[in-house]
């Protein structure tokens, strides 16, 4: 007996049916030094991208590694863990200048550049990016001062690992981008390990915003 292919209600063989697959134009892997603060912030963006039906895939990992170890981890992801990065895909490392030795910070930036890894750094803390949503800050302050300032600006206690901080700040995101760019122009020549305060988080934000409809 000749084997017959299963058919649907219209008599079309299932093997011939076309399934609509939305192509993914680009992929982002965002590897964070922090295990909660930065991942929680970028997770909110990932959800917005998903809900806006954008043709982009975002993976976020909070590793708790130091600067150089974080970049080394990101480099390895080009070879393992099922990632097969193609042209147009982006791997980003998010880390702070913090109190790490200057050489270690510079080595991390250098390795990232050599291996095609993009970096969104903050000198000295990620919270600088939050503050720039409200005001232009060009004076270095302590981490404790960051917290106090954000508490005042938010008109509520700042929670470091907040899940809602992105949504709270999003209305002023364009202001933050403009302030971050302006801040970088004040350093000539640029020396990221010394430029306090400074941040390049806006570079990643601008890339992700391209996909939000």
N, C-alpha and C. Protein backbone atom coordinates (compact mmCIF):
# COMPACT_ATOMS: atom_id res chain seq x y z
N UNK A 1 0.85 -1.19 0.00
CA UNK A 1 0.00 0.00 0.00
C UNK A 1 0.88 1.24 0.00
N UNK A 2 0.53 2.20 -0.85
CA UNK A 2 1.32 3.42 -0.93
C UNK A 2 1.03 4.30 0.28
N UNK A 3 2.10 4.74 0.96
CA UNK A 3 1.92 5.59 2.15
C UNK A 3 1.43 6.97 1.73
N UNK A 4 0.38 7.48 2.40
CA UNK A 4 -0.16 8.78 2.09
C UNK A 4 0.25 9.77 3.19
N UNK A 5 0.58 10.97 2.78
CA UNK A 5 0.96 12.00 3.74
C UNK A 5 -0.28 12.52 4.45
N UNK A 6 -0.10 12.81 5.74
CA UNK A 6 -1.20 13.39 6.50
C UNK A 6 -1.56 14.73 5.90
N UNK A 7 -2.88 15.04 5.86
CA UNK A 7 -3.35 16.28 5.28
C UNK A 7 -4.16 17.08 6.28
N UNK A 8 -4.22 18.39 6.05
CA UNK A 8 -5.06 19.22 6.90
C UNK A 8 -6.46 19.26 6.33
N UNK A 9 -7.32 20.08 6.92
CA UNK A 9 -8.72 20.12 6.52
C UNK A 9 -8.90 20.55 5.07
N UNK A 10 -7.93 21.31 4.52
CA UNK A 10 -8.01 21.78 3.14
C UNK A 10 -7.38 20.80 2.16
N UNK A 11 -6.89 19.69 2.69
CA UNK A 11 -6.31 18.69 1.81
C UNK A 11 -4.86 18.94 1.46
N UNK A 12 -4.20 19.91 2.14
CA UNK A 12 -2.80 20.23 1.87
C UNK A 12 -1.90 19.40 2.78
N UNK A 13 -0.98 18.66 2.20
CA UNK A 13 -0.06 17.87 3.05
C UNK A 13 0.63 18.75 4.07
N UNK A 14 0.71 18.30 5.31
CA UNK A 14 1.34 19.09 6.37
C UNK A 14 2.79 19.42 6.03
N UNK A 15 3.46 18.53 5.34
CA UNK A 15 4.86 18.75 5.02
C UNK A 15 5.05 19.93 4.08
N UNK A 16 3.96 20.34 3.40
CA UNK A 16 4.05 21.43 2.45
C UNK A 16 3.57 22.76 3.04
N UNK A 17 3.03 22.72 4.24
CA UNK A 17 2.51 23.94 4.84
C UNK A 17 3.67 24.87 5.22
N UNK A 18 3.46 26.13 5.06
CA UNK A 18 4.47 27.12 5.41
C UNK A 18 4.15 27.71 6.78
N UNK A 19 5.15 27.78 7.59
CA UNK A 19 4.99 28.38 8.91
C UNK A 19 5.67 29.73 8.90
N UNK A 20 4.92 30.78 9.25
CA UNK A 20 5.48 32.13 9.25
C UNK A 20 6.48 32.27 10.39
N UNK A 21 7.70 32.54 10.06
CA UNK A 21 8.75 32.72 11.06
C UNK A 21 9.30 34.13 10.94
N UNK A 22 9.20 34.90 12.02
CA UNK A 22 9.70 36.26 12.00
C UNK A 22 11.22 36.24 12.18
N UNK A 23 11.96 36.68 11.18
CA UNK A 23 13.42 36.62 11.28
C UNK A 23 13.95 37.55 12.35
N UNK A 24 15.01 37.11 13.02
CA UNK A 24 15.68 37.95 14.01
C UNK A 24 16.80 38.69 13.29
N UNK A 25 16.70 40.01 13.23
CA UNK A 25 17.70 40.79 12.51
C UNK A 25 19.01 40.88 13.26
N UNK A 26 18.91 40.98 14.57
CA UNK A 26 20.12 41.21 15.35
C UNK A 26 19.95 40.62 16.74
N UNK A 27 21.08 40.25 17.33
CA UNK A 27 21.06 39.73 18.70
C UNK A 27 22.01 40.52 19.57
N UNK A 28 21.61 40.71 20.81
CA UNK A 28 22.44 41.37 21.81
C UNK A 28 22.69 40.41 22.96
N UNK A 29 23.92 40.32 23.38
CA UNK A 29 24.26 39.66 24.64
C UNK A 29 24.81 40.76 25.54
N UNK A 30 24.15 41.00 26.67
CA UNK A 30 24.56 42.04 27.61
C UNK A 30 25.06 41.37 28.88
N UNK A 31 26.35 41.47 29.13
CA UNK A 31 26.98 40.82 30.27
C UNK A 31 27.31 41.89 31.32
N UNK A 32 26.73 41.74 32.49
CA UNK A 32 26.84 42.78 33.52
C UNK A 32 27.76 42.37 34.66
N UNK A 33 28.53 43.33 35.12
CA UNK A 33 29.37 43.12 36.29
C UNK A 33 28.52 42.84 37.52
N UNK A 34 27.47 43.63 37.70
CA UNK A 34 26.55 43.44 38.82
C UNK A 34 25.61 42.27 38.57
N UNK A 35 25.13 41.68 39.64
CA UNK A 35 24.24 40.54 39.50
C UNK A 35 22.77 40.93 39.51
N UNK A 36 22.44 42.16 39.95
CA UNK A 36 21.04 42.56 40.02
C UNK A 36 20.76 43.96 39.48
N UNK A 37 21.53 44.95 39.93
CA UNK A 37 21.22 46.34 39.56
C UNK A 37 21.13 46.54 38.05
N UNK A 38 22.20 46.26 37.34
CA UNK A 38 22.22 46.45 35.90
C UNK A 38 21.32 45.45 35.17
N UNK A 39 21.36 44.14 35.54
CA UNK A 39 20.46 43.20 34.87
C UNK A 39 18.99 43.58 35.01
N UNK A 40 18.58 44.06 36.18
CA UNK A 40 17.19 44.44 36.37
C UNK A 40 16.82 45.61 35.47
N UNK A 41 17.73 46.55 35.33
CA UNK A 41 17.48 47.72 34.48
C UNK A 41 17.32 47.29 33.02
N UNK A 42 18.25 46.49 32.52
CA UNK A 42 18.19 46.10 31.12
C UNK A 42 17.11 45.05 30.83
N UNK A 43 16.71 44.31 31.85
CA UNK A 43 15.60 43.37 31.68
C UNK A 43 14.32 44.12 31.32
N UNK A 44 14.13 45.29 31.90
CA UNK A 44 12.96 46.10 31.58
C UNK A 44 12.96 46.51 30.11
N UNK A 45 14.13 46.81 29.58
CA UNK A 45 14.23 47.15 28.16
C UNK A 45 13.95 45.92 27.30
N UNK A 46 14.49 44.78 27.73
CA UNK A 46 14.25 43.55 26.98
C UNK A 46 12.76 43.26 26.86
N UNK A 47 12.03 43.46 27.93
CA UNK A 47 10.59 43.21 27.91
C UNK A 47 9.87 44.19 26.98
N UNK A 48 10.32 45.43 26.96
CA UNK A 48 9.72 46.41 26.05
C UNK A 48 9.98 46.02 24.60
N UNK A 49 11.18 45.54 24.32
CA UNK A 49 11.50 45.10 22.98
C UNK A 49 10.64 43.91 22.58
N UNK A 50 10.45 43.00 23.49
CA UNK A 50 9.61 41.84 23.21
C UNK A 50 8.17 42.26 22.95
N UNK A 51 7.66 43.16 23.78
CA UNK A 51 6.27 43.59 23.65
C UNK A 51 6.03 44.46 22.43
N UNK A 52 7.08 45.11 21.93
CA UNK A 52 6.92 45.96 20.75
C UNK A 52 7.09 45.17 19.46
N UNK A 53 7.25 43.84 19.60
CA UNK A 53 7.38 42.95 18.44
C UNK A 53 8.61 43.31 17.60
N UNK A 54 9.65 43.73 18.25
CA UNK A 54 10.88 44.09 17.53
C UNK A 54 11.62 42.84 17.09
N UNK A 55 12.24 42.92 15.93
CA UNK A 55 13.00 41.77 15.42
C UNK A 55 14.42 41.81 15.96
N UNK A 56 14.52 41.62 17.25
CA UNK A 56 15.81 41.62 17.92
C UNK A 56 15.71 40.70 19.13
N UNK A 57 16.79 40.03 19.45
CA UNK A 57 16.84 39.14 20.60
C UNK A 57 17.86 39.68 21.59
N UNK A 58 17.47 39.76 22.86
CA UNK A 58 18.35 40.29 23.89
C UNK A 58 18.51 39.26 25.01
N UNK A 59 19.75 38.95 25.33
CA UNK A 59 20.07 38.05 26.44
C UNK A 59 20.87 38.84 27.47
N UNK A 60 20.51 38.73 28.74
CA UNK A 60 21.16 39.51 29.80
C UNK A 60 21.70 38.54 30.85
N UNK A 61 22.94 38.79 31.26
CA UNK A 61 23.56 37.95 32.29
C UNK A 61 24.27 38.82 33.32
N UNK A 62 23.94 38.61 34.57
CA UNK A 62 24.63 39.28 35.66
C UNK A 62 25.61 38.31 36.28
N UNK A 63 26.91 38.58 36.12
CA UNK A 63 27.93 37.59 36.47
C UNK A 63 28.62 37.83 37.80
N UNK A 64 28.69 39.08 38.25
CA UNK A 64 29.41 39.34 39.49
C UNK A 64 30.92 39.25 39.32
N UNK A 65 31.42 39.36 38.09
CA UNK A 65 32.86 39.30 37.83
C UNK A 65 33.46 40.70 37.85
N UNK A 66 34.78 40.78 37.99
CA UNK A 66 35.44 42.08 37.89
C UNK A 66 35.59 42.47 36.42
N UNK A 67 36.14 43.64 36.16
CA UNK A 67 36.19 44.19 34.81
C UNK A 67 36.83 43.26 33.79
N UNK A 68 38.06 42.86 34.02
CA UNK A 68 38.79 42.05 33.04
C UNK A 68 38.18 40.66 32.91
N UNK A 69 37.81 40.05 34.02
CA UNK A 69 37.19 38.72 33.97
C UNK A 69 35.87 38.76 33.22
N UNK A 70 35.15 39.86 33.34
CA UNK A 70 33.87 40.01 32.65
C UNK A 70 34.08 40.04 31.14
N UNK A 71 35.07 40.79 30.69
CA UNK A 71 35.35 40.87 29.26
C UNK A 71 35.83 39.52 28.75
N UNK A 72 36.67 38.84 29.52
CA UNK A 72 37.14 37.51 29.11
C UNK A 72 35.97 36.54 28.97
N UNK A 73 35.02 36.63 29.88
CA UNK A 73 33.82 35.80 29.79
C UNK A 73 33.05 36.10 28.51
N UNK A 74 32.89 37.40 28.23
CA UNK A 74 32.15 37.80 27.03
C UNK A 74 32.84 37.30 25.76
N UNK A 75 34.15 37.37 25.72
CA UNK A 75 34.91 36.88 24.57
C UNK A 75 34.64 35.40 24.35
N UNK A 76 34.59 34.65 25.43
CA UNK A 76 34.37 33.21 25.32
C UNK A 76 32.99 32.87 24.76
N UNK A 77 32.03 33.77 24.93
CA UNK A 77 30.68 33.49 24.46
C UNK A 77 30.57 33.47 22.94
N UNK A 78 31.59 33.95 22.27
CA UNK A 78 31.62 33.85 20.82
C UNK A 78 31.91 32.42 20.36
N UNK A 79 32.38 31.61 21.29
CA UNK A 79 32.83 30.26 20.93
C UNK A 79 32.00 29.16 21.59
N UNK A 80 31.35 29.47 22.71
CA UNK A 80 30.66 28.42 23.46
C UNK A 80 29.23 28.82 23.76
N UNK A 81 28.54 27.94 24.49
CA UNK A 81 27.20 28.21 25.00
C UNK A 81 26.17 28.41 23.90
N UNK A 82 26.42 27.87 22.74
CA UNK A 82 25.43 27.93 21.68
C UNK A 82 25.35 29.23 20.92
N UNK A 83 26.20 30.18 21.23
CA UNK A 83 26.17 31.46 20.52
C UNK A 83 27.03 31.38 19.27
N UNK A 84 26.45 31.74 18.17
CA UNK A 84 27.18 31.75 16.91
C UNK A 84 26.99 33.14 16.31
N UNK A 85 27.75 34.10 16.81
CA UNK A 85 27.51 35.49 16.46
C UNK A 85 27.90 35.80 15.02
N UNK A 86 27.00 36.52 14.38
CA UNK A 86 27.21 36.91 13.00
C UNK A 86 27.30 38.43 12.92
N UNK A 87 27.60 38.93 11.73
CA UNK A 87 27.70 40.37 11.53
C UNK A 87 26.36 41.02 11.89
N UNK A 88 26.41 42.06 12.69
CA UNK A 88 25.19 42.74 13.12
C UNK A 88 24.82 42.42 14.54
N UNK A 89 25.28 41.26 15.05
CA UNK A 89 25.04 40.93 16.46
C UNK A 89 26.02 41.71 17.33
N UNK A 90 25.63 41.94 18.58
CA UNK A 90 26.47 42.75 19.46
C UNK A 90 26.60 42.10 20.83
N UNK A 91 27.82 42.13 21.35
CA UNK A 91 28.08 41.68 22.72
C UNK A 91 28.57 42.90 23.50
N UNK A 92 27.91 43.16 24.63
CA UNK A 92 28.24 44.32 25.46
C UNK A 92 28.63 43.89 26.87
N UNK A 93 29.61 44.58 27.42
CA UNK A 93 29.98 44.41 28.83
C UNK A 93 29.60 45.68 29.57
N UNK A 94 28.99 45.50 30.74
CA UNK A 94 28.60 46.64 31.58
C UNK A 94 29.40 46.55 32.87
N UNK A 95 30.27 47.53 33.10
CA UNK A 95 31.02 47.51 34.36
C UNK A 95 31.39 48.92 34.79
N UNK A 96 31.74 49.03 36.08
CA UNK A 96 32.09 50.31 36.70
C UNK A 96 33.59 50.44 36.84
N UNK A 97 34.05 51.68 36.87
CA UNK A 97 35.45 51.96 37.19
C UNK A 97 35.70 51.59 38.64
N UNK A 98 34.80 52.03 39.52
CA UNK A 98 34.83 51.67 40.93
C UNK A 98 36.24 51.86 41.50
N UNK A 99 36.68 50.93 42.32
CA UNK A 99 38.00 51.05 42.95
C UNK A 99 39.02 50.10 42.34
N UNK A 100 38.71 49.56 41.16
CA UNK A 100 39.63 48.64 40.51
C UNK A 100 40.90 49.39 40.08
N UNK A 101 42.05 48.72 40.10
CA UNK A 101 43.29 49.37 39.64
C UNK A 101 43.13 49.90 38.22
N UNK A 102 43.77 51.04 37.95
CA UNK A 102 43.67 51.65 36.63
C UNK A 102 44.09 50.68 35.52
N UNK A 103 45.17 49.94 35.75
CA UNK A 103 45.67 49.03 34.73
C UNK A 103 44.65 47.95 34.40
N UNK A 104 43.98 47.44 35.42
CA UNK A 104 42.98 46.40 35.20
C UNK A 104 41.82 46.94 34.38
N UNK A 105 41.39 48.13 34.71
CA UNK A 105 40.30 48.78 33.97
C UNK A 105 40.71 49.00 32.52
N UNK A 106 41.90 49.52 32.31
CA UNK A 106 42.39 49.78 30.95
C UNK A 106 42.59 48.49 30.17
N UNK A 107 43.07 47.45 30.84
CA UNK A 107 43.26 46.16 30.17
C UNK A 107 41.91 45.61 29.69
N UNK A 108 40.88 45.81 30.50
CA UNK A 108 39.55 45.34 30.12
C UNK A 108 39.06 46.07 28.87
N UNK A 109 39.24 47.39 28.84
CA UNK A 109 38.84 48.16 27.66
C UNK A 109 39.63 47.75 26.43
N UNK A 110 40.94 47.51 26.62
CA UNK A 110 41.79 47.13 25.51
C UNK A 110 41.40 45.77 24.94
N UNK A 111 41.18 44.79 25.82
CA UNK A 111 40.80 43.45 25.38
C UNK A 111 39.46 43.49 24.64
N UNK A 112 38.53 44.25 25.17
CA UNK A 112 37.22 44.37 24.54
C UNK A 112 37.37 44.92 23.12
N UNK A 113 38.18 45.95 22.97
CA UNK A 113 38.39 46.54 21.66
C UNK A 113 39.00 45.57 20.67
N UNK A 114 39.95 44.77 21.14
CA UNK A 114 40.63 43.80 20.28
C UNK A 114 39.68 42.70 19.81
N UNK A 115 38.74 42.33 20.66
CA UNK A 115 37.88 41.18 20.39
C UNK A 115 36.49 41.56 19.88
N UNK A 116 36.27 42.84 19.62
CA UNK A 116 34.98 43.25 19.09
C UNK A 116 33.86 43.27 20.11
N UNK A 117 34.22 43.40 21.38
CA UNK A 117 33.23 43.50 22.46
C UNK A 117 33.00 44.97 22.77
N UNK A 118 31.75 45.39 22.84
CA UNK A 118 31.44 46.77 23.15
C UNK A 118 31.34 46.94 24.67
N UNK A 119 31.67 48.13 25.15
CA UNK A 119 31.69 48.38 26.59
C UNK A 119 30.84 49.60 26.93
N UNK A 120 29.99 49.44 27.94
CA UNK A 120 29.25 50.55 28.53
C UNK A 120 29.75 50.67 29.96
N UNK A 121 30.74 51.54 30.16
CA UNK A 121 31.33 51.68 31.48
C UNK A 121 30.78 52.91 32.19
N UNK A 122 30.96 52.92 33.49
CA UNK A 122 30.61 54.10 34.29
C UNK A 122 31.75 54.37 35.26
N UNK A 123 32.14 55.63 35.34
CA UNK A 123 33.16 56.06 36.30
C UNK A 123 32.51 57.09 37.21
N UNK A 124 32.11 56.78 38.51
CA UNK A 124 32.61 55.50 38.95
C UNK A 124 31.55 54.47 39.17
N UNK A 125 30.27 54.83 39.08
CA UNK A 125 29.21 53.87 39.35
C UNK A 125 28.07 54.00 38.35
N UNK A 126 27.36 52.89 38.13
CA UNK A 126 26.24 52.84 37.19
C UNK A 126 25.18 53.88 37.53
N UNK A 127 25.05 54.20 38.82
CA UNK A 127 24.03 55.16 39.24
C UNK A 127 24.23 56.55 38.62
N UNK A 128 25.44 56.83 38.13
CA UNK A 128 25.65 58.10 37.43
C UNK A 128 24.67 58.21 36.26
N UNK A 129 24.47 57.12 35.55
CA UNK A 129 23.54 57.11 34.42
C UNK A 129 22.14 57.52 34.87
N UNK A 130 21.73 57.06 36.03
CA UNK A 130 20.41 57.43 36.55
C UNK A 130 20.34 58.93 36.83
N UNK A 131 21.35 59.46 37.47
CA UNK A 131 21.37 60.89 37.84
C UNK A 131 21.29 61.77 36.60
N UNK A 132 21.93 61.35 35.52
CA UNK A 132 21.94 62.16 34.30
C UNK A 132 20.56 62.30 33.67
N UNK A 133 19.60 61.51 34.11
CA UNK A 133 18.22 61.69 33.65
C UNK A 133 17.63 62.99 34.19
N UNK A 134 18.18 63.45 35.31
CA UNK A 134 17.63 64.63 35.99
C UNK A 134 18.50 65.87 35.86
N UNK A 135 19.82 65.66 35.83
CA UNK A 135 20.71 66.82 35.84
C UNK A 135 22.07 66.46 35.24
N UNK A 136 22.76 67.49 34.81
CA UNK A 136 24.12 67.33 34.31
C UNK A 136 25.07 67.36 35.51
N UNK A 137 25.81 66.29 35.68
CA UNK A 137 26.73 66.19 36.81
C UNK A 137 28.15 66.04 36.28
N UNK A 138 29.01 67.00 36.58
CA UNK A 138 30.39 66.92 36.10
C UNK A 138 31.40 66.99 37.23
N UNK A 139 30.96 66.65 38.43
CA UNK A 139 31.83 66.62 39.60
C UNK A 139 31.79 65.22 40.21
N UNK A 140 32.96 64.63 40.43
CA UNK A 140 33.01 63.31 41.02
C UNK A 140 32.50 63.30 42.44
N UNK A 141 31.65 62.33 42.76
CA UNK A 141 31.12 62.19 44.11
C UNK A 141 31.23 60.74 44.54
N UNK A 142 31.04 60.47 45.81
CA UNK A 142 31.16 59.12 46.34
C UNK A 142 29.93 58.29 46.02
N UNK A 143 30.05 57.00 46.19
CA UNK A 143 28.90 56.12 45.98
C UNK A 143 27.76 56.47 46.93
N UNK A 144 28.11 56.79 48.16
CA UNK A 144 27.09 57.16 49.14
C UNK A 144 26.36 58.42 48.69
N UNK A 145 27.10 59.35 48.08
CA UNK A 145 26.49 60.58 47.60
C UNK A 145 25.57 60.31 46.41
N UNK A 146 25.92 59.32 45.59
CA UNK A 146 25.03 58.92 44.50
C UNK A 146 23.67 58.51 45.07
N UNK A 147 23.71 57.68 46.09
CA UNK A 147 22.47 57.17 46.68
C UNK A 147 21.64 58.30 47.26
N UNK A 148 22.30 59.19 47.99
CA UNK A 148 21.59 60.31 48.60
C UNK A 148 20.97 61.21 47.54
N UNK A 149 21.72 61.48 46.49
CA UNK A 149 21.23 62.35 45.42
C UNK A 149 20.04 61.72 44.70
N UNK A 150 20.13 60.43 44.43
CA UNK A 150 19.02 59.76 43.75
C UNK A 150 17.77 59.72 44.62
N UNK A 151 17.96 59.53 45.91
CA UNK A 151 16.82 59.53 46.83
C UNK A 151 16.10 60.88 46.76
N UNK A 152 16.86 61.94 46.68
CA UNK A 152 16.28 63.28 46.60
C UNK A 152 15.62 63.50 45.23
N UNK A 153 16.29 63.11 44.17
CA UNK A 153 15.76 63.33 42.83
C UNK A 153 14.51 62.50 42.56
N UNK A 154 14.48 61.28 43.08
CA UNK A 154 13.33 60.39 42.88
C UNK A 154 12.18 60.70 43.84
N UNK A 155 12.51 61.49 44.88
CA UNK A 155 11.53 61.82 45.92
C UNK A 155 11.03 60.56 46.63
N UNK A 156 11.92 59.60 46.73
CA UNK A 156 11.64 58.34 47.43
C UNK A 156 12.97 57.63 47.64
N UNK A 157 13.09 56.75 48.62
CA UNK A 157 14.36 56.05 48.85
C UNK A 157 14.80 55.29 47.60
N UNK A 158 16.05 55.49 47.21
CA UNK A 158 16.58 54.77 46.07
C UNK A 158 16.87 53.33 46.45
N UNK A 159 16.34 52.40 45.68
CA UNK A 159 16.57 50.97 45.90
C UNK A 159 17.53 50.46 44.83
N UNK A 160 18.69 50.03 45.26
CA UNK A 160 19.76 49.67 44.33
C UNK A 160 19.35 48.58 43.34
N UNK A 161 18.61 47.59 43.78
CA UNK A 161 18.25 46.48 42.91
C UNK A 161 16.81 46.57 42.42
N UNK A 162 16.33 47.78 42.26
CA UNK A 162 14.94 48.02 41.88
C UNK A 162 14.61 47.41 40.52
N UNK A 163 13.39 46.86 40.42
CA UNK A 163 12.89 46.34 39.16
C UNK A 163 12.11 47.40 38.38
N UNK A 164 11.85 48.52 39.02
CA UNK A 164 11.01 49.53 38.39
C UNK A 164 11.77 50.79 37.96
N UNK A 165 13.08 50.81 38.21
CA UNK A 165 13.86 52.03 37.97
C UNK A 165 13.84 52.44 36.50
N UNK A 166 13.87 51.48 35.58
CA UNK A 166 13.85 51.85 34.17
C UNK A 166 12.57 52.60 33.82
N UNK A 167 11.44 52.06 34.25
CA UNK A 167 10.16 52.70 33.95
C UNK A 167 10.05 54.07 34.60
N UNK A 168 10.62 54.23 35.78
CA UNK A 168 10.58 55.52 36.46
C UNK A 168 11.36 56.58 35.69
N UNK A 169 12.48 56.16 35.11
CA UNK A 169 13.38 57.10 34.46
C UNK A 169 13.15 57.29 32.97
N UNK A 170 12.45 56.38 32.35
CA UNK A 170 12.32 56.41 30.89
C UNK A 170 11.83 57.75 30.32
N UNK A 171 10.91 58.46 30.97
CA UNK A 171 10.47 59.73 30.38
C UNK A 171 11.60 60.74 30.17
N UNK A 172 12.70 60.60 30.90
CA UNK A 172 13.82 61.54 30.79
C UNK A 172 15.05 60.90 30.13
N UNK A 173 14.83 59.83 29.39
CA UNK A 173 15.94 59.09 28.80
C UNK A 173 16.70 59.93 27.77
N UNK A 174 15.99 60.71 26.98
CA UNK A 174 16.65 61.56 25.99
C UNK A 174 17.55 62.58 26.67
N UNK A 175 17.12 63.08 27.82
CA UNK A 175 17.93 64.03 28.59
C UNK A 175 19.20 63.36 29.08
N UNK A 176 19.08 62.13 29.56
CA UNK A 176 20.23 61.39 30.06
C UNK A 176 21.25 61.16 28.94
N UNK A 177 20.77 60.82 27.76
CA UNK A 177 21.67 60.59 26.63
C UNK A 177 22.42 61.87 26.29
N UNK A 178 21.69 62.98 26.25
CA UNK A 178 22.32 64.26 25.93
C UNK A 178 23.34 64.65 26.98
N UNK A 179 23.01 64.44 28.25
CA UNK A 179 23.94 64.78 29.34
C UNK A 179 25.18 63.89 29.31
N UNK A 180 25.00 62.61 29.01
CA UNK A 180 26.14 61.69 28.95
C UNK A 180 27.10 62.08 27.82
N UNK A 181 26.54 62.45 26.68
CA UNK A 181 27.37 62.88 25.55
C UNK A 181 28.11 64.17 25.88
N UNK A 182 27.40 65.10 26.48
CA UNK A 182 28.01 66.37 26.85
C UNK A 182 29.14 66.16 27.84
N UNK A 183 28.93 65.24 28.78
CA UNK A 183 29.94 64.97 29.80
C UNK A 183 31.23 64.45 29.18
N UNK A 184 31.10 63.56 28.20
CA UNK A 184 32.29 63.00 27.55
C UNK A 184 33.09 64.07 26.82
N UNK A 185 32.42 65.08 26.30
CA UNK A 185 33.12 66.13 25.56
C UNK A 185 33.97 67.02 26.47
N UNK A 186 33.74 66.94 27.79
CA UNK A 186 34.51 67.78 28.71
C UNK A 186 35.89 67.22 28.99
N UNK A 187 36.15 65.99 28.51
CA UNK A 187 37.45 65.36 28.73
C UNK A 187 38.23 65.31 27.43
N UNK A 188 39.32 66.06 27.37
CA UNK A 188 40.13 66.12 26.16
C UNK A 188 41.61 66.27 26.55
N UNK A 189 42.39 65.17 26.36
CA UNK A 189 41.99 63.90 25.77
C UNK A 189 41.22 63.03 26.77
N UNK A 190 40.48 62.06 26.24
CA UNK A 190 39.70 61.17 27.09
C UNK A 190 40.59 60.11 27.72
N UNK A 191 40.47 59.95 29.03
CA UNK A 191 41.15 58.91 29.78
C UNK A 191 40.11 58.27 30.70
N UNK A 192 39.38 57.27 30.21
CA UNK A 192 38.25 56.70 30.94
C UNK A 192 38.53 56.35 32.39
N UNK A 193 39.74 55.85 32.68
CA UNK A 193 40.03 55.45 34.07
C UNK A 193 40.17 56.66 34.99
N UNK A 194 40.38 57.84 34.42
CA UNK A 194 40.53 59.06 35.21
C UNK A 194 39.32 59.99 35.11
N UNK A 195 38.52 59.83 34.08
CA UNK A 195 37.42 60.76 33.81
C UNK A 195 36.24 60.49 34.75
N UNK A 196 36.28 61.11 35.89
CA UNK A 196 35.25 60.92 36.91
C UNK A 196 34.54 62.25 37.18
N UNK A 197 33.24 62.33 36.84
CA UNK A 197 32.35 61.25 36.38
C UNK A 197 32.30 61.15 34.85
N UNK A 198 32.00 59.96 34.38
CA UNK A 198 31.76 59.74 32.94
C UNK A 198 31.05 58.40 32.77
N UNK A 199 30.38 58.25 31.66
CA UNK A 199 29.69 56.99 31.37
C UNK A 199 29.47 56.85 29.88
N UNK A 200 29.44 55.61 29.40
CA UNK A 200 29.09 55.33 28.01
C UNK A 200 27.88 54.42 27.92
N UNK A 201 27.10 54.34 28.98
CA UNK A 201 25.89 53.52 28.98
C UNK A 201 24.94 53.98 27.88
N UNK A 202 24.96 55.27 27.59
CA UNK A 202 24.05 55.79 26.56
C UNK A 202 24.29 55.15 25.20
N UNK A 203 25.50 54.69 24.94
CA UNK A 203 25.79 54.07 23.64
C UNK A 203 24.97 52.80 23.44
N UNK A 204 24.87 52.00 24.49
CA UNK A 204 24.05 50.79 24.42
C UNK A 204 22.57 51.14 24.36
N UNK A 205 22.16 52.12 25.14
CA UNK A 205 20.75 52.53 25.14
C UNK A 205 20.35 52.98 23.73
N UNK A 206 21.19 53.75 23.08
CA UNK A 206 20.87 54.22 21.73
C UNK A 206 20.73 53.05 20.76
N UNK A 207 21.57 52.03 20.90
CA UNK A 207 21.48 50.86 20.03
C UNK A 207 20.16 50.13 20.24
N UNK A 208 19.78 49.95 21.50
CA UNK A 208 18.54 49.22 21.81
C UNK A 208 17.30 50.01 21.40
N UNK A 209 17.37 51.33 21.55
CA UNK A 209 16.21 52.16 21.20
C UNK A 209 15.85 52.08 19.72
N UNK A 210 16.78 51.69 18.90
CA UNK A 210 16.52 51.57 17.47
C UNK A 210 15.43 50.54 17.18
N UNK A 211 15.24 49.60 18.13
CA UNK A 211 14.31 48.50 17.90
C UNK A 211 12.98 48.66 18.63
N UNK A 212 12.85 49.72 19.42
CA UNK A 212 11.59 49.94 20.14
C UNK A 212 10.63 50.71 19.25
N UNK A 213 9.51 50.13 18.97
CA UNK A 213 8.53 50.75 18.06
C UNK A 213 7.50 51.57 18.84
